[in-house]
Protein backbone atom coordinates (compact mmCIF):
# COMPACT_ATOMS: atom_id res chain seq x y z
CA MET A 1 0.03 -0.12 0.04
CA GLY A 2 1.32 3.12 -0.85
CA TYR A 3 -0.39 5.57 1.32
CA ARG A 4 -2.16 5.56 4.97
CA LYS A 5 -6.47 5.99 3.94
CA LEU A 6 -6.59 7.30 7.76
CA GLY A 7 -10.17 6.22 7.94
CA MET A 8 -11.51 9.04 5.66
CA ASP A 9 -12.75 8.73 1.95
CA SER A 10 -10.75 10.38 -0.56
CA SER A 11 -11.77 14.03 -0.47
CA HIS A 12 -11.52 13.97 3.13
CA ARG A 13 -8.44 12.77 3.53
CA ARG A 14 -6.82 15.08 0.94
CA ALA A 15 -8.62 18.16 2.61
CA THR A 16 -7.14 17.17 5.97
CA LEU A 17 -3.45 16.39 4.50
CA ARG A 18 -3.77 20.13 2.64
CA ASN A 19 -4.99 21.42 6.06
CA LEU A 20 -2.20 20.01 7.51
CA VAL A 21 0.53 20.69 5.61
CA THR A 22 -0.68 24.49 5.19
CA SER A 23 -0.36 24.87 8.97
CA LEU A 24 2.80 22.94 8.96
CA ILE A 25 3.98 25.40 6.85
CA LYS A 26 2.22 28.72 8.56
CA GLU A 27 3.15 27.56 12.24
CA GLU A 28 6.29 25.26 11.76
CA ARG A 29 5.14 23.15 14.25
CA ILE A 30 1.86 21.25 14.73
CA GLU A 31 0.38 18.65 16.98
CA THR A 32 -1.63 15.73 15.45
CA THR A 33 -1.84 11.89 15.62
CA GLU A 34 0.91 9.85 14.69
CA PRO A 35 -0.52 8.59 11.50
CA LYS A 36 -1.67 12.10 9.89
CA ALA A 37 1.88 13.06 10.48
CA LYS A 38 3.76 10.65 8.87
CA GLU A 39 1.51 10.82 5.63
CA ALA A 40 1.60 14.85 6.18
CA LYS A 41 5.35 14.90 6.37
CA ARG A 42 5.79 13.00 2.86
CA ILE A 43 3.81 15.86 1.45
CA ALA A 44 5.33 18.71 3.30
CA GLU A 45 9.04 17.38 2.32
CA LYS A 46 7.80 17.51 -1.14
CA MET A 47 6.12 21.23 -1.04
CA ILE A 48 9.80 22.62 0.30
CA THR A 49 11.69 20.46 -2.57
CA LEU A 50 9.27 22.86 -4.76
CA GLY A 51 10.08 25.73 -2.83
CA LYS A 52 14.03 25.03 -3.29
CA ARG A 53 13.57 24.83 -7.18
CA GLY A 54 12.09 28.12 -6.89
CA ASP A 55 10.64 28.45 -10.31
CA LEU A 56 7.18 29.67 -11.41
CA HIS A 57 6.05 26.22 -12.25
CA ALA A 58 7.11 25.27 -8.88
CA ARG A 59 5.11 27.79 -7.43
CA ARG A 60 1.85 27.25 -9.17
CA GLN A 61 2.23 23.44 -8.19
CA ALA A 62 2.49 24.58 -4.92
CA LEU A 63 -0.33 26.98 -4.93
CA ALA A 64 -2.75 23.96 -6.11
CA TYR A 65 -1.81 22.08 -3.11
CA ILE A 66 -1.27 24.62 -0.17
CA THR A 67 -4.97 26.54 0.66
CA GLU A 68 -3.62 29.90 1.38
CA GLU A 69 -1.20 32.07 -0.89
CA ALA A 70 0.71 33.59 1.60
CA VAL A 71 1.70 30.59 3.09
CA VAL A 72 3.02 29.68 -0.14
CA VAL A 73 4.98 33.01 -0.18
CA LYS A 74 6.44 32.36 3.08
CA LEU A 75 7.47 28.72 1.43
CA PHE A 76 9.43 30.25 -1.02
CA ASP A 77 10.62 33.48 0.37
CA THR A 78 12.13 32.01 3.87
CA VAL A 79 11.26 28.24 4.60
CA ALA A 80 13.02 27.09 1.26
CA PRO A 81 15.70 29.07 1.61
CA LYS A 82 16.83 27.64 5.07
CA PHE A 83 16.80 24.44 3.77
CA ALA A 84 19.13 25.28 0.73
CA GLU A 85 21.86 22.94 1.44
CA ARG A 86 20.10 20.27 2.73
CA ASN A 87 19.07 16.91 0.82
CA GLY A 88 15.75 16.10 2.73
CA GLY A 89 14.79 15.49 5.58
CA TYR A 90 13.53 18.94 6.35
CA THR A 91 10.90 17.84 9.33
CA ARG A 92 11.04 15.78 12.32
CA ILE A 93 8.23 13.79 14.48
CA ILE A 94 8.51 13.98 17.94
CA LYS A 95 6.60 11.61 19.83
CA LYS A 96 4.35 13.17 23.19
CA GLY A 97 2.53 10.83 24.07
CA HIS A 98 -1.29 9.02 24.27
CA ARG A 99 -4.32 11.01 24.05
CA ARG A 100 -6.20 10.82 27.31
CA GLY A 101 -9.84 10.02 25.35
CA ASP A 102 -8.80 7.26 22.77
CA ALA A 103 -5.33 6.67 23.95
CA THR A 104 -3.96 7.70 20.22
CA LEU A 105 -0.14 8.33 19.98
CA MET A 106 0.27 12.11 19.95
CA VAL A 107 3.23 13.71 18.09
CA ILE A 108 4.66 17.09 17.33
CA LEU A 109 5.51 17.43 13.53
CA GLU A 110 8.24 20.43 12.87
CA LEU A 111 10.70 21.87 10.43
CA VAL A 112 13.71 21.15 11.28
CA ASP A 113 15.94 24.13 12.54
């Protein structure tokens, strides 16, 4: 299997992951469940790679996925240049513990400094 279904239909999954990636780039740190973080990490790494490319086509591809235009500007102008020397591994997952209500493993997904 190439990806996690996360117990959602495809449109809900796509919307959730778009929002997670947008929030990650905007806030540079989010708290979510482990499976969602692992899927969002895959996409966020691709978005940062687009930002490193920096051309018009890459910007339009990022705009097609990220929900806020201001976040795309931040991605291309501040986030991607920080990782210019780095070949992948732009994000990290830190395990936080189990959620009280349903014992789901919660993690912090953040951009590496």
